[in-house]
Amino acid sequence: MGEQNTKAQKTVSQPEPLEESEERSTADYAKFEPPKKFTGKKRLAVIIVLLFLLLAATGTASYWFVLRGKPATTSTTGSKSTQTARSSSAASKITTATKSHDSSSFRLQFNYPADWTVAEAEAGGQLTVKSPAMVLKDTDNQTVTGQIVFTIRDKQQALPEFDSGNAVAARPSEKIAYVKPAPGQRANTYLSFLRYMDSANGLDGIYVTGDTGYTLNQAIPKADFVPIEPVVSLTFFRCDGNCSGDNLAMSITPTSWDDKDFSNPLKALLQSLVIH
């Protein structure tokens, strides 16, 4: 009896076999080992290594966000190449608001920037329209206080810009159309960009040259202006303060004409010429 009870107990204590439909784990529990716990000195060593890595990461972040912060800030104003491109502009914008002027002595009329000043000699022969003091770029790409002067001269006036010899084309001539040409006035004209012989590499004057245009660096002799009546030009001067006194002629960079804020108002002035 005792032996039978023992066998019966052993039989009850055994788990019942799983049904075939039940899922079984594929884990190899025979090779399973629980993860080792760090204790004592090993735990301390791990903590020290983690602290060291944390401090190193913090130092690197501080360098890039603090020590390198100033260059990152200044880069928002543009890269060096962008600043150079900007510095090649003509600097000051010319107002697009205009006034109109009629000249009985030259029998012509034109529109000019509203803040410019017209002066016509009593004896006739020359008419000038001067800009207020403005910032221009010289041939060294430096900003200077300067002035633009629009000049109309009759055939009797001297052309001292040719005293040193032929001029050359600082850039290729450009053809423009007059807005409202008078009867007998040509519909289109060339604008030519002159560099005088005593100028190294700049643009000294912009002239209306009628049917004659020039390629880059082509010679432009004084004789080409003999048949032109009147001689119409834009020239540039360096000055101090408000440009109210006698000023020194200056050259600007030929690429100034590529700046539309600079060239468009000047081109509009020339296109508005009505010559009777």
Protein backbone atom coordinates (compact mmCIF):
# COMPACT_ATOMS: atom_id res chain seq x y z
CA MET A 1 0.00 0.00 0.00
CA GLY A 2 2.72 2.43 0.93
CA GLU A 3 4.51 1.76 -2.32
CA GLN A 4 1.34 2.20 -4.29
CA ASN A 5 0.63 5.57 -2.63
CA THR A 6 4.11 6.75 -3.45
CA LYS A 7 3.71 5.82 -7.11
CA ALA A 8 0.35 7.49 -7.18
CA GLN A 9 1.83 10.74 -5.80
CA LYS A 10 4.62 10.68 -8.34
CA THR A 11 2.10 10.18 -11.09
CA VAL A 12 -0.01 13.16 -9.97
CA SER A 13 3.00 15.49 -9.63
CA GLN A 14 4.06 15.04 -13.29
CA PRO A 15 2.76 17.71 -15.73
CA GLU A 16 0.30 16.63 -18.30
CA PRO A 17 1.68 16.46 -21.84
CA LEU A 18 0.98 19.46 -24.13
CA GLU A 19 -1.49 19.14 -26.94
CA GLU A 20 0.05 19.10 -30.38
CA SER A 21 -1.68 22.37 -31.23
CA GLU A 22 0.10 24.30 -28.44
CA GLU A 23 3.20 26.43 -29.43
CA ARG A 24 6.51 25.48 -27.94
CA SER A 25 9.46 27.87 -27.34
CA THR A 26 12.57 27.32 -29.43
CA ALA A 27 14.88 28.99 -26.90
CA ASP A 28 17.85 26.94 -25.83
CA TYR A 29 17.38 27.14 -22.08
CA ALA A 30 20.06 24.55 -21.55
CA LYS A 31 22.68 27.19 -22.55
CA PHE A 32 20.97 30.17 -20.90
CA GLU A 33 23.06 32.15 -18.42
CA PRO A 34 21.69 35.19 -16.56
CA PRO A 35 23.55 38.52 -17.23
CA LYS A 36 26.39 39.18 -14.90
CA LYS A 37 25.88 42.00 -12.46
CA PHE A 38 28.60 44.60 -11.91
CA THR A 39 29.49 44.89 -8.34
CA GLY A 40 32.07 46.68 -6.31
CA LYS A 41 35.08 48.02 -8.21
CA LYS A 42 33.74 47.01 -11.61
CA ARG A 43 30.60 49.10 -11.12
CA LEU A 44 32.68 52.10 -10.05
CA ALA A 45 34.91 51.76 -13.13
CA VAL A 46 31.88 51.71 -15.45
CA ILE A 47 30.44 54.84 -13.80
CA ILE A 48 33.76 56.67 -14.19
CA VAL A 49 33.97 55.77 -17.90
CA LEU A 50 30.39 56.96 -18.50
CA LEU A 51 31.09 60.26 -16.71
CA PHE A 52 34.22 60.78 -18.79
CA LEU A 53 32.30 60.22 -22.04
CA LEU A 54 29.57 62.61 -20.90
CA LEU A 55 32.09 65.36 -20.10
CA ALA A 56 33.82 64.87 -23.46
CA ALA A 57 30.51 65.20 -25.33
CA THR A 58 29.59 68.33 -23.34
CA GLY A 59 32.97 69.93 -24.11
CA THR A 60 32.61 69.26 -27.83
CA ALA A 61 29.11 70.78 -27.89
CA SER A 62 30.35 73.85 -26.01
CA TYR A 63 33.14 74.38 -28.54
CA TRP A 64 30.87 74.30 -31.58
CA PHE A 65 28.00 76.30 -30.14
CA VAL A 66 29.96 78.86 -28.10
CA LEU A 67 33.52 79.21 -29.36
CA ARG A 68 32.44 78.74 -32.97
CA GLY A 69 29.31 80.82 -32.50
CA LYS A 70 30.68 84.11 -33.88
CA PRO A 71 31.73 82.83 -37.30
CA ALA A 72 28.36 81.10 -37.63
CA THR A 73 26.61 84.38 -36.85
CA THR A 74 28.63 86.47 -39.27
CA SER A 75 28.03 83.96 -42.05
CA THR A 76 24.38 85.05 -42.15
CA THR A 77 25.48 88.28 -43.83
CA GLY A 78 26.86 86.30 -46.74
CA SER A 79 29.98 84.43 -47.69
CA LYS A 80 33.13 86.18 -48.82
CA SER A 81 32.26 85.55 -52.47
CA THR A 82 28.75 86.95 -51.94
CA GLN A 83 30.14 90.06 -50.25
CA THR A 84 32.55 90.54 -53.17
CA ALA A 85 29.69 90.27 -55.63
CA ARG A 86 27.69 92.83 -53.68
CA SER A 87 30.65 95.16 -53.45
CA SER A 88 30.89 95.23 -57.26
CA SER A 89 27.53 97.06 -57.46
CA ALA A 90 27.32 100.76 -58.16
CA ALA A 91 26.42 101.27 -54.47
CA SER A 92 23.79 104.05 -54.37
CA LYS A 93 20.39 103.59 -55.95
CA ILE A 94 19.29 106.36 -58.30
CA THR A 95 15.76 107.60 -57.77
CA THR A 96 13.27 106.59 -60.45
CA ALA A 97 10.95 109.56 -59.81
CA THR A 98 11.48 112.10 -62.60
CA LYS A 99 11.02 115.69 -63.69
CA SER A 100 10.96 117.05 -67.24
CA HIS A 101 13.18 119.73 -68.76
CA ASP A 102 12.76 121.62 -72.05
CA SER A 103 15.76 123.39 -73.57
CA SER A 104 14.99 126.02 -76.16
CA SER A 105 18.67 126.59 -76.97
CA PHE A 106 19.25 122.91 -77.79
CA ARG A 107 15.69 122.34 -79.02
CA LEU A 108 15.27 119.18 -77.01
CA GLN A 109 13.60 117.83 -73.91
CA PHE A 110 14.19 114.95 -71.52
CA ASN A 111 13.21 113.47 -68.16
CA TYR A 112 15.74 113.30 -65.33
CA PRO A 113 15.83 112.00 -61.70
CA ALA A 114 13.76 114.31 -59.54
CA ASP A 115 16.53 115.07 -57.02
CA TRP A 116 19.08 116.09 -59.68
CA THR A 117 19.83 119.75 -60.51
CA VAL A 118 19.65 121.31 -63.99
CA ALA A 119 21.99 124.15 -65.01
CA GLU A 120 22.15 125.71 -68.48
CA ALA A 121 24.79 128.27 -69.40
CA GLU A 122 23.40 131.70 -70.27
CA ALA A 123 25.51 131.91 -73.39
CA GLY A 124 24.28 128.49 -74.40
CA GLY A 125 26.43 125.72 -75.70
CA GLN A 126 26.32 123.50 -72.62
CA LEU A 127 23.67 122.08 -70.33
CA THR A 128 24.38 119.98 -67.23
CA VAL A 129 22.23 117.93 -64.89
CA LYS A 130 24.02 116.92 -61.67
CA SER A 131 23.10 114.24 -59.18
CA PRO A 132 23.23 114.86 -55.43
CA ALA A 133 26.19 113.38 -53.52
CA MET A 134 26.00 109.61 -53.71
CA VAL A 135 28.11 106.54 -53.07
CA LEU A 136 29.97 105.21 -56.10
CA LYS A 137 32.47 102.37 -56.57
CA ASP A 138 35.88 103.28 -57.99
CA THR A 139 38.09 100.96 -60.05
CA ASP A 140 39.58 99.52 -56.84
CA ASN A 141 36.05 98.55 -55.77
CA GLN A 142 36.20 101.09 -52.94
CA THR A 143 33.18 103.21 -51.98
CA VAL A 144 33.66 106.94 -52.49
CA THR A 145 31.44 109.99 -52.29
CA GLY A 146 30.76 110.92 -55.87
CA GLN A 147 28.46 112.56 -58.37
CA ILE A 148 27.05 111.73 -61.79
CA VAL A 149 26.85 114.53 -64.37
CA PHE A 150 24.66 114.44 -67.47
CA THR A 151 26.06 116.86 -70.07
CA ILE A 152 24.79 118.14 -73.41
CA ARG A 153 27.31 120.11 -75.54
CA ASP A 154 27.02 121.73 -78.95
CA LYS A 155 29.64 121.33 -81.68
CA GLN A 156 31.53 124.45 -80.62
CA GLN A 157 32.38 123.03 -77.18
CA ALA A 158 35.76 121.44 -76.55
CA LEU A 159 36.14 117.76 -75.78
CA PRO A 160 39.04 117.78 -73.28
CA GLU A 161 38.59 114.08 -72.51
CA PHE A 162 40.40 113.37 -75.81
CA ASP A 163 43.42 115.58 -75.02
CA SER A 164 45.53 112.49 -74.24
CA GLY A 165 44.55 110.71 -77.44
CA ASN A 166 41.97 108.15 -78.48
CA ALA A 167 39.60 106.63 -75.99
CA VAL A 168 38.86 102.89 -75.98
CA ALA A 169 35.65 100.96 -75.39
CA ALA A 170 35.49 99.87 -71.73
CA ARG A 171 32.66 97.49 -72.65
CA PRO A 172 30.75 96.74 -75.89
CA SER A 173 28.31 99.41 -77.09
CA GLU A 174 24.64 98.88 -76.39
CA LYS A 175 21.70 99.94 -78.57
CA ILE A 176 18.69 101.61 -76.97
CA ALA A 177 15.40 102.88 -78.40
CA TYR A 178 14.12 106.40 -77.81
CA VAL A 179 10.70 106.43 -76.13
CA LYS A 180 9.13 109.24 -78.18
CA PRO A 181 11.53 110.33 -80.92
CA ALA A 182 10.71 113.55 -82.74
CA PRO A 183 10.17 113.59 -86.52
CA GLY A 184 13.60 113.38 -88.11
CA GLN A 185 15.16 111.88 -84.95
CA ARG A 186 16.55 108.36 -85.27
CA ALA A 187 14.49 105.73 -83.46
CA ASN A 188 17.51 103.98 -81.95
CA THR A 189 20.99 104.95 -80.86
CA TYR A 190 24.12 103.31 -79.56
CA LEU A 191 25.40 103.97 -76.08
CA SER A 192 29.17 103.67 -75.94
CA PHE A 193 31.29 103.22 -72.83
CA LEU A 194 34.54 105.16 -72.99
CA ARG A 195 37.80 104.74 -71.14
CA TYR A 196 40.15 107.66 -71.66
CA MET A 197 43.85 107.06 -72.30
CA ASP A 198 44.90 108.30 -68.85
CA SER A 199 42.57 105.79 -67.16
CA ALA A 200 43.92 102.32 -66.35
CA ASN A 201 40.91 100.01 -66.35
CA GLY A 202 37.80 102.00 -65.54
CA LEU A 203 34.70 103.41 -67.16
CA ASP A 204 35.01 107.20 -67.56
CA GLY A 205 31.99 108.19 -69.58
CA ILE A 206 28.84 106.92 -71.29
CA TYR A 207 28.11 108.62 -74.63
CA VAL A 208 25.31 108.68 -77.18
CA THR A 209 27.08 107.71 -80.42
CA GLY A 210 24.20 107.47 -82.91
CA ASP A 211 24.68 104.77 -85.52
CA THR A 212 28.25 103.96 -84.42
CA GLY A 213 28.94 101.16 -81.96
CA TYR A 214 32.20 99.71 -80.65
CA THR A 215 33.48 96.34 -79.52
CA LEU A 216 35.38 95.85 -76.26
CA ASN A 217 38.77 97.66 -76.28
CA GLN A 218 38.19 99.13 -79.75
CA ALA A 219 39.76 102.56 -80.28
CA ILE A 220 37.35 105.52 -80.21
CA PRO A 221 38.89 108.63 -81.81
CA LYS A 222 37.76 112.17 -81.21
CA ALA A 223 36.96 112.46 -84.92
CA ASP A 224 33.99 110.12 -84.43
CA PHE A 225 32.25 112.84 -82.41
CA VAL A 226 32.66 115.61 -84.99
CA PRO A 227 29.42 114.77 -86.86
CA ILE A 228 27.42 114.25 -83.64
CA GLU A 229 25.19 117.19 -82.67
CA PRO A 230 24.77 117.60 -79.74
CA VAL A 231 27.32 115.54 -77.78
CA VAL A 232 25.44 113.79 -74.94
CA SER A 233 27.33 112.10 -72.13
CA LEU A 234 27.27 110.84 -68.55
CA THR A 235 30.47 111.26 -66.53
CA PHE A 236 31.53 110.66 -62.92
CA PHE A 237 33.22 112.81 -60.30
CA ARG A 238 34.75 112.28 -56.87
CA CYS A 239 33.80 114.92 -54.32
CA ASP A 240 33.65 115.78 -50.62
CA GLY A 241 30.65 116.67 -48.50
CA ASN A 242 27.64 117.59 -50.64
CA CYS A 243 29.54 117.83 -53.96
CA SER A 244 28.83 121.55 -54.25
CA GLY A 245 32.30 122.66 -55.38
CA ASP A 246 34.69 121.76 -58.17
CA ASN A 247 35.10 118.02 -58.32
CA LEU A 248 37.71 115.63 -59.67
CA ALA A 249 36.80 113.32 -62.55
CA MET A 250 36.85 109.65 -61.58
CA SER A 251 36.52 106.23 -63.16
CA ILE A 252 34.04 103.61 -62.04
CA THR A 253 34.13 99.87 -62.65
CA PRO A 254 32.72 98.92 -66.09
CA THR A 255 30.57 96.28 -64.39
CA SER A 256 28.67 99.06 -62.60
CA TRP A 257 26.44 99.19 -65.67
CA ASP A 258 25.33 95.62 -64.90
CA ASP A 259 23.71 96.87 -61.69
CA LYS A 260 20.13 97.63 -62.78
CA ASP A 261 19.51 99.98 -59.84
CA PHE A 262 22.31 102.08 -61.31
CA SER A 263 21.89 101.68 -65.06
CA ASN A 264 18.12 101.62 -65.53
CA PRO A 265 17.43 105.21 -64.33
CA LEU A 266 20.36 106.49 -66.43
CA LYS A 267 19.19 104.55 -69.45
CA ALA A 268 15.66 105.92 -68.94
CA LEU A 269 17.08 109.46 -68.94
CA LEU A 270 18.83 108.90 -72.27
CA GLN A 271 15.83 107.10 -73.81
CA SER A 272 13.59 110.05 -72.92
CA LEU A 273 15.56 112.45 -75.13
CA VAL A 274 13.39 114.16 -77.74
CA ILE A 275 15.59 116.09 -80.19
CA HIS A 276 13.77 118.39 -82.63
